Amino acid sequence: MSEEDENEKVKAMILHALARKRKWNESHTPLTNVIKWVIIRKNGKRVKKLISQLRKEGLVNVKPTHYGEEISLNFYQKEKVIEVIKKYFEDFIA
């Protein structure tokens, strides 16, 4: 598996973790929690970089707070988010 494919899989893991916890738009969670959920299998710096890429793609929203940043899925890109998740997690139910 190439590095690009591996990055896409980690992005899907991030989106899947947020979707499982139902973190859409106004329901958000601290960025550190998402990193902890995914870091079990991946590097934390890499996860932060990929979250930044997901933000640029418009799939996640990052909200600054006085204690750090919070993250949620972009409800207006729901179809695209689900498509990315289902590419690697076939059993995912939206």
N, C-alpha and C. Protein backbone atom coordinates (compact mmCIF):
# COMPACT_ATOMS: atom_id res chain seq x y z
N MET A 1 0.85 -1.18 0.00
CA MET A 1 0.00 0.00 0.00
C MET A 1 0.90 1.24 0.00
N SER A 2 0.64 2.16 -0.92
CA SER A 2 1.45 3.36 -1.02
C SER A 2 1.12 4.33 0.13
N GLU A 3 1.98 5.32 0.29
CA GLU A 3 1.78 6.30 1.37
C GLU A 3 0.50 7.10 1.14
N GLU A 4 0.19 7.40 -0.12
CA GLU A 4 -1.03 8.14 -0.45
C GLU A 4 -2.28 7.33 -0.04
N ASP A 5 -2.27 6.03 -0.35
CA ASP A 5 -3.38 5.16 0.05
C ASP A 5 -3.49 5.08 1.57
N GLU A 6 -2.34 5.01 2.23
CA GLU A 6 -2.33 4.95 3.69
C GLU A 6 -2.90 6.23 4.30
N ASN A 7 -2.55 7.39 3.71
CA ASN A 7 -3.09 8.66 4.19
C ASN A 7 -4.60 8.72 4.00
N GLU A 8 -5.09 8.23 2.87
CA GLU A 8 -6.53 8.21 2.63
C GLU A 8 -7.24 7.31 3.64
N LYS A 9 -6.62 6.20 4.00
CA LYS A 9 -7.21 5.30 4.99
C LYS A 9 -7.26 5.97 6.36
N VAL A 10 -6.21 6.70 6.73
CA VAL A 10 -6.20 7.39 8.02
C VAL A 10 -7.26 8.49 8.03
N LYS A 11 -7.42 9.20 6.91
CA LYS A 11 -8.48 10.21 6.81
C LYS A 11 -9.84 9.56 7.03
N ALA A 12 -10.04 8.40 6.41
CA ALA A 12 -11.31 7.68 6.58
C ALA A 12 -11.50 7.26 8.04
N MET A 13 -10.40 6.88 8.72
CA MET A 13 -10.48 6.51 10.13
C MET A 13 -10.91 7.71 10.98
N ILE A 14 -10.38 8.88 10.67
CA ILE A 14 -10.73 10.10 11.40
C ILE A 14 -12.21 10.41 11.20
N LEU A 15 -12.65 10.40 9.95
CA LEU A 15 -14.06 10.68 9.65
C LEU A 15 -14.97 9.63 10.27
N HIS A 16 -14.56 8.38 10.24
CA HIS A 16 -15.36 7.29 10.82
C HIS A 16 -15.50 7.48 12.33
N ALA A 17 -14.40 7.85 12.99
CA ALA A 17 -14.45 8.06 14.44
C ALA A 17 -15.42 9.18 14.80
N LEU A 18 -15.39 10.27 14.05
CA LEU A 18 -16.31 11.38 14.30
C LEU A 18 -17.75 11.01 13.98
N ALA A 19 -17.96 10.27 12.90
CA ALA A 19 -19.32 9.88 12.52
C ALA A 19 -19.92 8.90 13.52
N ARG A 20 -19.10 7.96 14.02
CA ARG A 20 -19.58 7.01 15.02
C ARG A 20 -20.06 7.73 16.27
N LYS A 21 -19.37 8.80 16.63
CA LYS A 21 -19.73 9.58 17.83
C LYS A 21 -20.77 10.65 17.51
N ARG A 22 -21.23 10.69 16.26
CA ARG A 22 -22.25 11.65 15.79
C ARG A 22 -21.84 13.10 16.03
N LYS A 23 -20.64 13.44 15.61
CA LYS A 23 -20.11 14.79 15.77
C LYS A 23 -20.27 15.58 14.47
N TRP A 24 -21.51 16.02 14.21
CA TRP A 24 -21.84 16.80 13.01
C TRP A 24 -22.10 18.24 13.42
N ASN A 25 -21.56 19.20 12.70
CA ASN A 25 -21.75 20.65 12.87
C ASN A 25 -21.64 21.14 14.31
N GLU A 26 -22.75 21.41 14.97
CA GLU A 26 -22.72 22.02 16.30
C GLU A 26 -22.26 21.08 17.41
N SER A 27 -22.33 19.78 17.18
CA SER A 27 -21.82 18.81 18.15
C SER A 27 -20.36 18.57 17.81
N HIS A 28 -19.46 19.08 18.64
CA HIS A 28 -18.04 18.94 18.34
C HIS A 28 -17.30 18.37 19.54
N THR A 29 -16.07 17.98 19.32
CA THR A 29 -15.25 17.36 20.35
C THR A 29 -13.84 17.94 20.27
N PRO A 30 -13.10 17.97 21.37
CA PRO A 30 -11.73 18.48 21.31
C PRO A 30 -10.87 17.71 20.32
N LEU A 31 -10.02 18.44 19.63
CA LEU A 31 -9.13 17.85 18.64
C LEU A 31 -8.24 16.78 19.26
N THR A 32 -7.84 16.97 20.52
CA THR A 32 -6.99 15.98 21.18
C THR A 32 -7.69 14.64 21.32
N ASN A 33 -9.01 14.66 21.51
CA ASN A 33 -9.76 13.39 21.61
C ASN A 33 -9.69 12.61 20.30
N VAL A 34 -9.85 13.31 19.19
CA VAL A 34 -9.81 12.64 17.88
C VAL A 34 -8.44 12.05 17.66
N ILE A 35 -7.40 12.79 18.02
CA ILE A 35 -6.04 12.28 17.85
C ILE A 35 -5.85 11.03 18.70
N LYS A 36 -6.37 11.02 19.92
CA LYS A 36 -6.27 9.84 20.79
C LYS A 36 -7.00 8.65 20.20
N TRP A 37 -8.17 8.89 19.58
CA TRP A 37 -8.95 7.80 19.01
C TRP A 37 -8.19 7.12 17.88
N VAL A 38 -7.43 7.89 17.12
CA VAL A 38 -6.76 7.36 15.93
C VAL A 38 -5.30 7.02 16.21
N ILE A 39 -4.69 7.65 17.19
CA ILE A 39 -3.25 7.49 17.43
C ILE A 39 -2.87 6.09 17.89
N ILE A 40 -3.84 5.30 18.30
CA ILE A 40 -3.56 3.93 18.73
C ILE A 40 -2.77 3.22 17.63
N ARG A 41 -3.10 3.51 16.39
CA ARG A 41 -2.46 2.85 15.26
C ARG A 41 -1.59 3.77 14.41
N LYS A 42 -1.67 5.07 14.63
CA LYS A 42 -0.97 6.01 13.75
C LYS A 42 -0.22 7.07 14.55
N ASN A 43 0.68 7.80 13.86
CA ASN A 43 1.48 8.86 14.44
C ASN A 43 0.62 10.12 14.65
N GLY A 44 0.73 10.76 15.83
CA GLY A 44 -0.07 11.93 16.16
C GLY A 44 0.17 13.12 15.26
N LYS A 45 1.43 13.39 14.89
CA LYS A 45 1.74 14.51 14.00
C LYS A 45 1.12 14.29 12.62
N ARG A 46 1.17 13.06 12.18
CA ARG A 46 0.58 12.72 10.89
C ARG A 46 -0.93 12.92 10.92
N VAL A 47 -1.56 12.54 12.02
CA VAL A 47 -3.01 12.70 12.16
C VAL A 47 -3.36 14.19 12.13
N LYS A 48 -2.59 15.03 12.81
CA LYS A 48 -2.84 16.48 12.79
C LYS A 48 -2.73 17.03 11.37
N LYS A 49 -1.73 16.58 10.63
CA LYS A 49 -1.54 17.03 9.26
C LYS A 49 -2.72 16.62 8.39
N LEU A 50 -3.20 15.40 8.59
CA LEU A 50 -4.32 14.91 7.79
C LEU A 50 -5.63 15.61 8.16
N ILE A 51 -5.78 15.97 9.43
CA ILE A 51 -6.97 16.74 9.85
C ILE A 51 -6.94 18.10 9.17
N SER A 52 -5.75 18.69 9.07
CA SER A 52 -5.61 19.96 8.37
C SER A 52 -6.02 19.82 6.90
N GLN A 53 -5.64 18.72 6.27
CA GLN A 53 -6.04 18.47 4.88
C GLN A 53 -7.55 18.29 4.76
N LEU A 54 -8.15 17.57 5.71
CA LEU A 54 -9.60 17.39 5.70
C LEU A 54 -10.31 18.73 5.85
N ARG A 55 -9.74 19.61 6.64
CA ARG A 55 -10.32 20.94 6.82
C ARG A 55 -10.27 21.72 5.51
N LYS A 56 -9.14 21.65 4.80
CA LYS A 56 -9.00 22.34 3.51
C LYS A 56 -9.97 21.77 2.48
N GLU A 57 -10.24 20.47 2.56
CA GLU A 57 -11.20 19.83 1.65
C GLU A 57 -12.64 20.16 2.02
N GLY A 58 -12.85 20.74 3.21
CA GLY A 58 -14.19 21.12 3.63
C GLY A 58 -14.99 20.00 4.27
N LEU A 59 -14.34 18.90 4.64
CA LEU A 59 -15.06 17.77 5.23
C LEU A 59 -15.23 17.90 6.73
N VAL A 60 -14.36 18.67 7.39
CA VAL A 60 -14.48 18.89 8.83
C VAL A 60 -14.43 20.38 9.13
N ASN A 61 -15.02 20.75 10.25
CA ASN A 61 -14.97 22.12 10.75
C ASN A 61 -14.10 22.12 12.00
N VAL A 62 -13.22 23.10 12.10
CA VAL A 62 -12.39 23.25 13.30
C VAL A 62 -12.74 24.57 13.93
N LYS A 63 -13.09 24.52 15.22
CA LYS A 63 -13.53 25.71 15.94
C LYS A 63 -12.51 26.02 17.03
N PRO A 64 -11.96 27.24 17.03
CA PRO A 64 -11.01 27.60 18.10
C PRO A 64 -11.76 27.87 19.41
N THR A 65 -11.19 27.43 20.51
CA THR A 65 -11.73 27.71 21.84
C THR A 65 -10.59 28.20 22.72
N HIS A 66 -10.90 28.65 23.92
CA HIS A 66 -9.85 29.16 24.80
C HIS A 66 -8.96 28.03 25.34
N TYR A 67 -9.38 26.79 25.24
CA TYR A 67 -8.60 25.66 25.74
C TYR A 67 -8.04 24.77 24.62
N GLY A 68 -8.16 25.19 23.37
CA GLY A 68 -7.67 24.41 22.25
C GLY A 68 -8.62 24.51 21.07
N GLU A 69 -8.60 23.52 20.23
CA GLU A 69 -9.50 23.49 19.08
C GLU A 69 -10.47 22.34 19.19
N GLU A 70 -11.67 22.55 18.64
CA GLU A 70 -12.68 21.50 18.60
C GLU A 70 -12.99 21.19 17.15
N ILE A 71 -13.38 19.96 16.90
CA ILE A 71 -13.59 19.50 15.53
C ILE A 71 -14.95 18.83 15.40
N SER A 72 -15.56 19.00 14.22
CA SER A 72 -16.82 18.32 13.91
C SER A 72 -16.87 18.07 12.41
N LEU A 73 -17.76 17.19 12.01
CA LEU A 73 -17.95 16.91 10.58
C LEU A 73 -18.81 17.99 9.96
N ASN A 74 -18.55 18.32 8.72
CA ASN A 74 -19.33 19.33 8.00
C ASN A 74 -20.60 18.67 7.46
N PHE A 75 -21.74 19.06 8.01
CA PHE A 75 -23.02 18.46 7.62
C PHE A 75 -23.33 18.70 6.15
N TYR A 76 -22.89 19.82 5.61
CA TYR A 76 -23.19 20.16 4.21
C TYR A 76 -22.38 19.31 3.22
N GLN A 77 -21.40 18.58 3.70
CA GLN A 77 -20.61 17.67 2.87
C GLN A 77 -20.87 16.21 3.27
N LYS A 78 -22.05 15.95 3.83
CA LYS A 78 -22.35 14.64 4.40
C LYS A 78 -22.19 13.50 3.39
N GLU A 79 -22.67 13.68 2.16
CA GLU A 79 -22.57 12.62 1.16
C GLU A 79 -21.11 12.28 0.87
N LYS A 80 -20.28 13.31 0.74
CA LYS A 80 -18.86 13.07 0.45
C LYS A 80 -18.16 12.40 1.64
N VAL A 81 -18.51 12.81 2.87
CA VAL A 81 -17.94 12.21 4.07
C VAL A 81 -18.29 10.73 4.12
N ILE A 82 -19.54 10.40 3.89
CA ILE A 82 -19.99 9.01 3.92
C ILE A 82 -19.32 8.20 2.82
N GLU A 83 -19.15 8.81 1.65
CA GLU A 83 -18.48 8.13 0.54
C GLU A 83 -17.04 7.76 0.90
N VAL A 84 -16.31 8.68 1.54
CA VAL A 84 -14.93 8.42 1.94
C VAL A 84 -14.89 7.32 2.99
N ILE A 85 -15.81 7.36 3.95
CA ILE A 85 -15.84 6.35 5.02
C ILE A 85 -16.13 4.97 4.42
N LYS A 86 -17.13 4.89 3.55
CA LYS A 86 -17.54 3.59 2.99
C LYS A 86 -16.48 2.97 2.09
N LYS A 87 -15.57 3.79 1.60
CA LYS A 87 -14.49 3.26 0.76
C LYS A 87 -13.62 2.29 1.56
N TYR A 88 -13.44 2.56 2.86
CA TYR A 88 -12.59 1.71 3.70
C TYR A 88 -13.37 0.94 4.76
N PHE A 89 -14.59 1.38 5.09
CA PHE A 89 -15.41 0.70 6.09
C PHE A 89 -16.75 0.36 5.44
N GLU A 90 -16.80 -0.77 4.75
CA GLU A 90 -17.98 -1.16 3.97
C GLU A 90 -19.23 -1.35 4.85
N ASP A 91 -19.04 -1.73 6.10
CA ASP A 91 -20.17 -2.01 6.98
C ASP A 91 -20.72 -0.77 7.66
N PHE A 92 -20.20 0.42 7.31
CA PHE A 92 -20.65 1.66 7.95
C PHE A 92 -22.08 1.98 7.56
N ILE A 93 -22.90 2.31 8.56
CA ILE A 93 -24.30 2.69 8.34
C ILE A 93 -24.45 4.14 8.78
N ALA A 94 -24.87 5.00 7.87
CA ALA A 94 -25.00 6.44 8.16
C ALA A 94 -26.20 6.73 9.03
